[in-house]
Amino acid sequence: MCETTDDSYRHCELIPCIDGKLLRLLKPPGMPFKKSARPFLLLFSAVVAALLLVLHGGSAISQERKVNIAYAGPSLIALPFLAAQEWKLFSQNGLSTQLIVMTFTISIPALSAEQVDYLGGVGPATVSATLRGIPARAVWFSSDKVLWSLMAQPQTKTLTDLRQKPIGITGGLGATGHVALLLALEKAGQDSKAFAISPFTGVSDMIQALESGYLSAAMLQPPQLFYAMSKGFKEMLNVASMIEMPVGGLTTLVKTIQNRPQEVRAVIKSVQQAKQRMLKSKEETIDLVMKVGKTDREAALKTYDMLRDVLSGNGIPTRAGIENILKALVLQGRLPSANVPFEEIADTRLATEVAKELGYRVQ
């Protein structure tokens, strides 16, 4: 159907979609190609040229298409994505990117419905979603080490004191932080089902809830971890020393990998370059940590020292990392067996290409 405000342009001829947008060629009925033909022919030629370009270079990245990446919120896990945006690495790799804050309970259905293109994370929530039938794959790892600690109110004496009391996490229920906490509680001899978990979208809101006394404890990582320590909050569990699991990464649909490999490759390259730059540019990274974490320089410095070890990987998803996630799901009772083929969870091809291009030694 054609709706116009100009009666002389009621007739519409439709041409195929370019990047999801239907283009129209308008001309009055029976318009002869004489005096007014030149502008029309120029428009027609331009559109045909654009179509030929799309058809000829279909695998190229669309400069006009907005790439939507959902992530759980500003945190250390999301730092490579925030750095790639802040330092314009996405745009340097030909991408127009939008970062959207969503918990995994929202972002996973959004990915399945193709309302977002990528999830900024690889962990129990994303792997569990894949096993439930969502055709997605982990294509990049940010780190294979967690950095969380469970910080409680100063008067807390034992873990048992926290039973049935609100404990804050970020990332949503079923996300890496949540699962890591449950596993650490079980390792500490506690019944993880006896603890009340309260998810928060933003870490700053969670800190405020902890300081106000609304939360009895919270799962924190640097730099907020150092802030909590400076305020006298008590470390009840050093989760980082108890749990080995990939944290952060990139997940996308199989059809996106198949139909837009150059775009996926560009996203991976951008965040891996961000990791490289963070390791090389100390002052620049400290400034970013202060901005993202809303913390002081002393805490940012401590965070940077930990980051150097955490972010040193080449980004290629590993079998060991995926196996640890599967084992965690089995321990939670969310999966009957960890015997799942690696290829059904991860696709390493594009991350391997990027790692080689960026100078990593890849076996």
Protein backbone atom coordinates (compact mmCIF):
# COMPACT_ATOMS: atom_id res chain seq x y z
CA MET A 1 0.00 0.00 0.00
CA CYS A 2 1.25 3.44 -0.84
CA GLU A 3 0.37 6.49 1.26
CA THR A 4 1.48 9.89 0.03
CA THR A 5 0.54 13.49 0.73
CA ASP A 6 1.06 14.58 -2.88
CA ASP A 7 -1.77 13.54 -5.23
CA SER A 8 0.56 13.63 -8.22
CA TYR A 9 2.63 10.81 -6.70
CA ARG A 10 0.02 8.20 -5.96
CA HIS A 11 1.62 5.42 -8.02
CA CYS A 12 4.39 3.44 -6.34
CA GLU A 13 6.75 0.89 -7.85
CA LEU A 14 8.47 -1.25 -5.21
CA ILE A 15 11.96 -2.63 -5.48
CA PRO A 16 13.61 -5.21 -3.16
CA CYS A 17 14.72 -4.46 0.38
CA ILE A 18 18.15 -3.07 1.12
CA ASP A 19 19.19 -3.70 4.71
CA GLY A 20 15.60 -4.36 5.71
CA LYS A 21 14.21 -1.13 4.27
CA LEU A 22 11.73 -1.12 1.41
CA LEU A 23 12.67 1.48 -1.18
CA ARG A 24 10.09 3.07 -3.44
CA LEU A 25 10.34 4.63 -6.86
CA LEU A 26 7.59 7.19 -7.22
CA LYS A 27 6.28 8.65 -10.43
CA PRO A 28 2.91 10.04 -11.55
CA PRO A 29 0.82 7.61 -13.59
CA GLY A 30 1.85 7.74 -17.25
CA MET A 31 4.63 10.25 -16.67
CA PRO A 32 6.63 10.56 -19.90
CA PHE A 33 10.41 10.48 -19.60
CA LYS A 34 11.02 13.94 -21.01
CA LYS A 35 11.76 17.08 -19.05
CA SER A 36 11.29 15.50 -15.64
CA ALA A 37 12.91 12.23 -16.64
CA ARG A 38 16.47 13.18 -15.71
CA PRO A 39 15.97 13.29 -11.91
CA PHE A 40 13.99 10.05 -12.06
CA LEU A 41 16.65 8.31 -14.14
CA LEU A 42 19.34 9.48 -11.76
CA LEU A 43 17.41 8.10 -8.81
CA PHE A 44 16.72 4.85 -10.65
CA SER A 45 20.40 4.48 -11.58
CA ALA A 46 21.50 5.13 -8.02
CA VAL A 47 19.11 2.56 -6.60
CA VAL A 48 20.08 -0.07 -9.18
CA ALA A 49 23.75 0.58 -8.43
CA ALA A 50 23.09 0.14 -4.72
CA LEU A 51 21.27 -3.12 -5.38
CA LEU A 52 24.09 -4.44 -7.52
CA LEU A 53 26.59 -3.49 -4.84
CA VAL A 54 24.59 -5.37 -2.19
CA LEU A 55 24.18 -8.41 -4.44
CA HIS A 56 27.82 -8.41 -5.48
CA GLY A 57 29.26 -7.83 -2.01
CA GLY A 58 26.64 -9.51 0.16
CA SER A 59 29.21 -10.69 2.69
CA ALA A 60 30.48 -7.18 3.35
CA ILE A 61 29.53 -5.29 6.51
CA SER A 62 26.63 -2.87 6.12
CA GLN A 63 27.72 0.58 7.23
CA GLU A 64 24.10 1.62 7.85
CA ARG A 65 23.00 -1.40 9.89
CA LYS A 66 23.02 -0.88 13.64
CA VAL A 67 24.60 -3.82 15.46
CA ASN A 68 22.91 -4.33 18.84
CA ILE A 69 24.91 -5.98 21.63
CA ALA A 70 23.13 -6.77 24.89
CA TYR A 71 25.23 -6.91 28.05
CA ALA A 72 24.42 -7.27 31.74
CA GLY A 73 25.62 -3.82 32.79
CA PRO A 74 28.77 -1.77 33.40
CA SER A 75 31.23 -4.09 35.12
CA LEU A 76 34.66 -5.64 34.78
CA ILE A 77 33.15 -8.43 32.68
CA ALA A 78 31.80 -5.93 30.16
CA LEU A 79 34.96 -3.81 30.08
CA PRO A 80 36.19 -5.01 26.62
CA PHE A 81 32.85 -3.99 25.08
CA LEU A 82 32.78 -0.64 26.85
CA ALA A 83 36.42 -0.03 25.88
CA ALA A 84 35.75 -0.92 22.24
CA GLN A 85 32.90 1.60 22.23
CA GLU A 86 34.75 4.30 24.17
CA TRP A 87 37.90 4.01 22.02
CA LYS A 88 35.91 3.77 18.76
CA LEU A 89 37.30 0.34 17.88
CA PHE A 90 33.90 -0.83 16.66
CA SER A 91 33.68 2.03 14.18
CA GLN A 92 37.29 1.50 13.08
CA ASN A 93 36.29 -2.04 12.12
CA GLY A 94 33.33 -0.81 10.07
CA LEU A 95 30.59 -1.28 12.67
CA SER A 96 27.83 0.97 13.92
CA THR A 97 27.29 -0.53 17.35
CA GLN A 98 24.81 0.01 20.15
CA LEU A 99 25.34 -1.47 23.62
CA ILE A 100 22.13 -2.25 25.49
CA VAL A 101 21.92 -3.13 29.18
CA MET A 102 19.79 -6.26 29.73
CA THR A 103 19.81 -9.11 32.22
CA PHE A 104 20.16 -12.54 30.63
CA THR A 105 16.55 -13.37 31.48
CA ILE A 106 15.60 -10.65 28.98
CA SER A 107 18.52 -10.68 26.55
CA ILE A 108 18.42 -14.41 25.74
CA PRO A 109 14.78 -14.29 24.53
CA ALA A 110 15.67 -11.06 22.70
CA LEU A 111 18.52 -12.84 20.89
CA SER A 112 16.25 -15.75 20.00
CA ALA A 113 13.71 -13.28 18.57
CA GLU A 114 16.54 -11.47 16.70
CA GLN A 115 15.79 -8.22 18.54
CA VAL A 116 19.47 -8.08 19.49
CA ASP A 117 22.37 -9.45 17.45
CA TYR A 118 24.80 -10.48 20.16
CA LEU A 119 25.00 -11.24 23.86
CA GLY A 120 28.01 -9.85 25.70
CA GLY A 121 28.62 -12.99 27.70
CA VAL A 122 29.33 -16.72 27.70
CA GLY A 123 28.32 -18.66 30.77
CA PRO A 124 25.77 -20.97 32.36
CA ALA A 125 22.81 -18.85 31.21
CA THR A 126 23.84 -18.73 27.54
CA VAL A 127 25.01 -22.36 27.39
CA SER A 128 21.82 -23.52 29.09
CA ALA A 129 19.79 -21.57 26.54
CA THR A 130 21.67 -23.27 23.69
CA LEU A 131 20.98 -26.68 25.21
CA ARG A 132 17.29 -25.80 25.48
CA GLY A 133 17.17 -25.34 21.73
CA ILE A 134 18.11 -21.74 20.98
CA PRO A 135 20.42 -22.01 17.93
CA ALA A 136 23.29 -19.98 19.39
CA ARG A 137 27.03 -20.47 19.79
CA ALA A 138 29.78 -18.99 21.94
CA VAL A 139 32.20 -17.33 19.51
CA TRP A 140 34.62 -15.47 21.81
CA PHE A 141 35.88 -15.66 25.41
CA SER A 142 36.79 -12.56 27.38
CA SER A 143 38.41 -14.40 30.28
CA ASP A 144 38.52 -17.83 31.88
CA LYS A 145 38.81 -16.55 35.46
CA VAL A 146 36.18 -15.15 37.81
CA LEU A 147 37.10 -12.35 40.21
CA TRP A 148 34.13 -12.29 42.59
CA SER A 149 34.05 -12.30 46.37
CA LEU A 150 30.97 -12.45 48.60
CA MET A 151 31.06 -9.33 50.78
CA ALA A 152 28.79 -9.11 53.81
CA GLN A 153 27.77 -6.63 56.50
CA PRO A 154 30.56 -6.14 59.09
CA GLN A 155 28.59 -7.82 61.88
CA THR A 156 28.21 -11.07 59.91
CA LYS A 157 30.10 -13.91 61.58
CA THR A 158 29.50 -17.00 59.45
CA LEU A 159 27.93 -17.98 56.14
CA THR A 160 25.07 -19.55 58.08
CA ASP A 161 24.14 -16.06 59.30
CA LEU A 162 23.29 -15.17 55.70
CA ARG A 163 20.68 -17.89 55.23
CA GLN A 164 17.30 -16.56 54.05
CA LYS A 165 18.74 -13.04 53.95
CA PRO A 166 18.97 -11.03 50.70
CA ILE A 167 22.24 -11.45 48.79
CA GLY A 168 22.77 -9.23 45.76
CA ILE A 169 24.14 -10.32 42.40
CA THR A 170 24.35 -8.68 38.98
CA GLY A 171 23.73 -10.28 35.59
CA GLY A 172 20.50 -12.03 36.49
CA LEU A 173 19.55 -15.43 37.86
CA GLY A 174 21.39 -18.23 36.10
CA ALA A 175 24.19 -15.95 34.93
CA THR A 176 27.85 -16.66 35.69
CA GLY A 177 27.97 -14.68 38.93
CA HIS A 178 24.88 -16.40 40.29
CA VAL A 179 26.07 -19.90 39.38
CA ALA A 180 29.59 -19.24 40.71
CA LEU A 181 28.10 -18.14 44.04
CA LEU A 182 25.89 -21.23 44.33
CA LEU A 183 28.82 -23.53 43.53
CA ALA A 184 31.07 -21.75 46.04
CA LEU A 185 28.41 -22.05 48.75
CA GLU A 186 28.12 -25.78 48.08
CA LYS A 187 31.90 -26.16 48.21
CA ALA A 188 31.86 -24.35 51.56
CA GLY A 189 29.47 -26.98 52.92
CA GLN A 190 26.31 -24.90 52.64
CA ASP A 191 22.95 -25.72 51.09
CA SER A 192 22.79 -23.12 48.31
CA LYS A 193 18.98 -23.38 48.24
CA ALA A 194 18.87 -21.87 51.72
CA PHE A 195 20.10 -18.49 50.48
CA ALA A 196 17.90 -15.73 49.05
CA ILE A 197 19.40 -14.26 45.87
CA SER A 198 18.35 -10.78 44.71
CA PRO A 199 19.41 -9.82 41.13
CA PHE A 200 20.33 -6.23 40.29
CA THR A 201 20.76 -4.69 36.84
CA GLY A 202 23.42 -2.21 37.94
CA VAL A 203 26.30 -2.72 40.36
CA SER A 204 25.99 0.86 41.68
CA ASP A 205 22.40 0.19 42.76
CA MET A 206 23.56 -3.02 44.44
CA ILE A 207 26.31 -1.17 46.32
CA GLN A 208 23.77 1.37 47.55
CA ALA A 209 21.50 -1.45 48.71
CA LEU A 210 24.43 -3.02 50.56
CA GLU A 211 25.42 0.27 52.20
CA SER A 212 21.83 1.01 53.25
CA GLY A 213 21.54 -2.38 54.92
CA TYR A 214 18.85 -3.64 52.58
CA LEU A 215 21.25 -6.36 51.41
CA SER A 216 22.99 -8.58 53.90
CA ALA A 217 25.70 -9.40 51.34
CA ALA A 218 26.63 -8.94 47.71
CA MET A 219 28.77 -10.61 45.05
CA LEU A 220 31.41 -8.05 44.07
CA GLN A 221 34.43 -7.90 41.82
CA PRO A 222 37.03 -5.15 41.35
CA PRO A 223 36.90 -2.20 41.55
CA GLN A 224 33.71 -2.29 43.67
CA LEU A 225 35.26 -5.11 45.71
CA PHE A 226 38.06 -2.81 46.87
CA TYR A 227 35.54 -0.06 47.65
CA ALA A 228 33.53 -2.45 49.84
CA MET A 229 36.68 -3.54 51.66
CA SER A 230 37.59 0.09 52.35
CA LYS A 231 34.13 0.63 53.86
CA GLY A 232 34.56 -2.23 56.29
CA PHE A 233 32.43 -4.89 54.63
CA LYS A 234 33.55 -8.44 55.37
CA GLU A 235 34.70 -11.03 52.84
CA MET A 236 32.76 -14.23 53.51
CA LEU A 237 33.78 -16.18 50.41
CA ASN A 238 36.64 -15.69 47.99
CA VAL A 239 34.71 -17.15 45.07
CA ALA A 240 37.59 -16.45 42.67
CA SER A 241 39.82 -18.94 44.50
CA MET A 242 37.12 -21.63 44.56
CA ILE A 243 35.59 -21.61 41.08
CA GLU A 244 37.14 -21.90 37.61
CA MET A 245 34.78 -20.82 34.87
CA PRO A 246 34.82 -18.59 31.76
CA VAL A 247 33.45 -15.15 32.43
CA GLY A 248 32.41 -12.73 29.71
CA GLY A 249 32.50 -13.35 26.00
CA LEU A 250 30.30 -13.19 22.94
CA THR A 251 27.32 -15.32 21.94
CA THR A 252 25.31 -15.07 18.73
CA LEU A 253 22.92 -17.07 16.57
CA VAL A 254 24.16 -19.73 14.17
CA LYS A 255 22.40 -17.94 11.30
CA THR A 256 24.32 -14.75 12.09
CA ILE A 257 27.61 -16.67 11.90
CA GLN A 258 26.55 -18.21 8.60
CA ASN A 259 24.97 -15.15 6.96
CA ARG A 260 27.12 -12.30 8.35
CA PRO A 261 30.55 -13.79 9.10
CA GLN A 262 32.42 -10.57 8.33
CA GLU A 263 30.28 -8.69 10.85
CA VAL A 264 30.83 -11.34 13.54
CA ARG A 265 34.54 -11.27 12.80
CA ALA A 266 34.60 -7.46 13.11
CA VAL A 267 32.84 -7.57 16.49
CA ILE A 268 35.29 -10.19 17.79
CA LYS A 269 38.24 -8.21 16.45
CA SER A 270 37.01 -5.02 18.12
CA VAL A 271 36.69 -6.51 21.61
CA GLN A 272 39.93 -8.48 21.33
CA GLN A 273 41.73 -5.30 20.24
CA ALA A 274 40.19 -3.60 23.26
CA LYS A 275 41.74 -6.28 25.50
CA GLN A 276 45.13 -5.79 23.85
CA ARG A 277 44.94 -2.03 24.26
CA MET A 278 43.95 -2.35 27.93
CA LEU A 279 47.04 -4.44 28.57
CA LYS A 280 49.33 -1.95 26.79
CA SER A 281 47.76 1.36 27.85
CA LYS A 282 47.76 1.42 31.65
CA GLU A 283 46.73 5.04 32.22
CA GLU A 284 44.02 4.94 29.58
CA THR A 285 42.60 1.76 31.10
CA ILE A 286 42.73 3.11 34.65
CA ASP A 287 40.72 6.13 33.48
CA LEU A 288 38.17 3.79 31.90
CA VAL A 289 37.92 1.66 35.05
CA MET A 290 37.34 4.81 37.11
CA LYS A 291 34.63 5.93 34.70
CA VAL A 292 32.87 2.59 34.37
CA GLY A 293 33.28 1.51 37.97
CA LYS A 294 32.68 4.99 39.39
CA THR A 295 35.61 4.47 41.70
CA ASP A 296 38.77 6.24 42.83
CA ARG A 297 42.22 5.92 41.34
CA GLU A 298 43.58 3.67 44.10
CA ALA A 299 40.88 1.04 43.49
CA ALA A 300 41.32 1.40 39.73
CA LEU A 301 45.07 0.75 40.08
CA LYS A 302 44.44 -2.43 42.06
CA THR A 303 41.88 -3.49 39.48
CA TYR A 304 44.31 -2.96 36.62
CA ASP A 305 46.90 -5.20 38.30
CA MET A 306 44.34 -8.02 38.37
CA LEU A 307 43.19 -7.32 34.82
CA ARG A 308 46.59 -7.99 33.30
CA ASP A 309 46.32 -11.67 34.16
CA VAL A 310 42.59 -12.01 33.49
CA LEU A 311 42.62 -10.45 30.01
CA SER A 312 45.73 -12.12 28.61
CA GLY A 313 43.92 -14.85 26.63
CA ASN A 314 43.56 -14.90 22.83
CA GLY A 315 39.75 -14.95 22.95
CA ILE A 316 39.26 -18.38 21.38
CA PRO A 317 36.61 -20.43 23.25
CA THR A 318 38.24 -23.43 24.92
CA ARG A 319 36.99 -26.94 25.50
CA ALA A 320 38.04 -26.77 29.14
CA GLY A 321 36.06 -23.58 29.67
CA ILE A 322 32.89 -24.99 28.12
CA GLU A 323 33.33 -28.24 30.06
CA ASN A 324 33.49 -26.29 33.34
CA ILE A 325 30.22 -24.55 32.47
CA LEU A 326 28.58 -27.89 31.66
CA LYS A 327 29.82 -29.40 34.92
CA ALA A 328 28.36 -26.43 36.80
CA LEU A 329 24.99 -26.99 35.12
CA VAL A 330 25.11 -30.68 36.09
CA LEU A 331 25.89 -29.83 39.71
CA GLN A 332 22.93 -27.46 39.71
CA GLY A 333 20.65 -30.17 38.38
CA ARG A 334 19.95 -28.20 35.22
CA LEU A 335 21.64 -30.77 32.98
CA PRO A 336 21.67 -34.57 33.34
CA SER A 337 25.16 -35.04 31.87
CA ALA A 338 28.15 -32.91 30.89
CA ASN A 339 28.73 -35.15 27.88
CA VAL A 340 27.75 -32.56 25.24
CA PRO A 341 29.80 -32.09 22.04
CA PHE A 342 31.87 -28.91 22.16
CA GLU A 343 30.74 -27.95 18.63
CA GLU A 344 27.12 -27.79 19.81
CA ILE A 345 28.05 -25.02 22.23
CA ALA A 346 30.89 -23.07 20.62
CA ASP A 347 32.22 -22.07 17.21
CA THR A 348 35.90 -21.14 17.30
CA ARG A 349 36.55 -20.47 13.62
CA LEU A 350 36.18 -16.69 13.49
CA ALA A 351 37.91 -16.06 16.83
CA THR A 352 40.81 -18.20 15.58
CA GLU A 353 41.08 -16.11 12.43
CA VAL A 354 41.09 -12.91 14.47
CA ALA A 355 43.68 -14.23 16.93
CA LYS A 356 46.03 -15.12 14.07
CA GLU A 357 45.55 -11.71 12.46
CA LEU A 358 46.32 -9.95 15.75
CA GLY A 359 49.55 -11.87 16.24
CA TYR A 360 48.63 -14.55 18.78
CA ARG A 361 50.26 -17.96 18.52
CA VAL A 362 47.43 -20.36 17.77
CA GLN A 363 47.89 -24.12 17.76
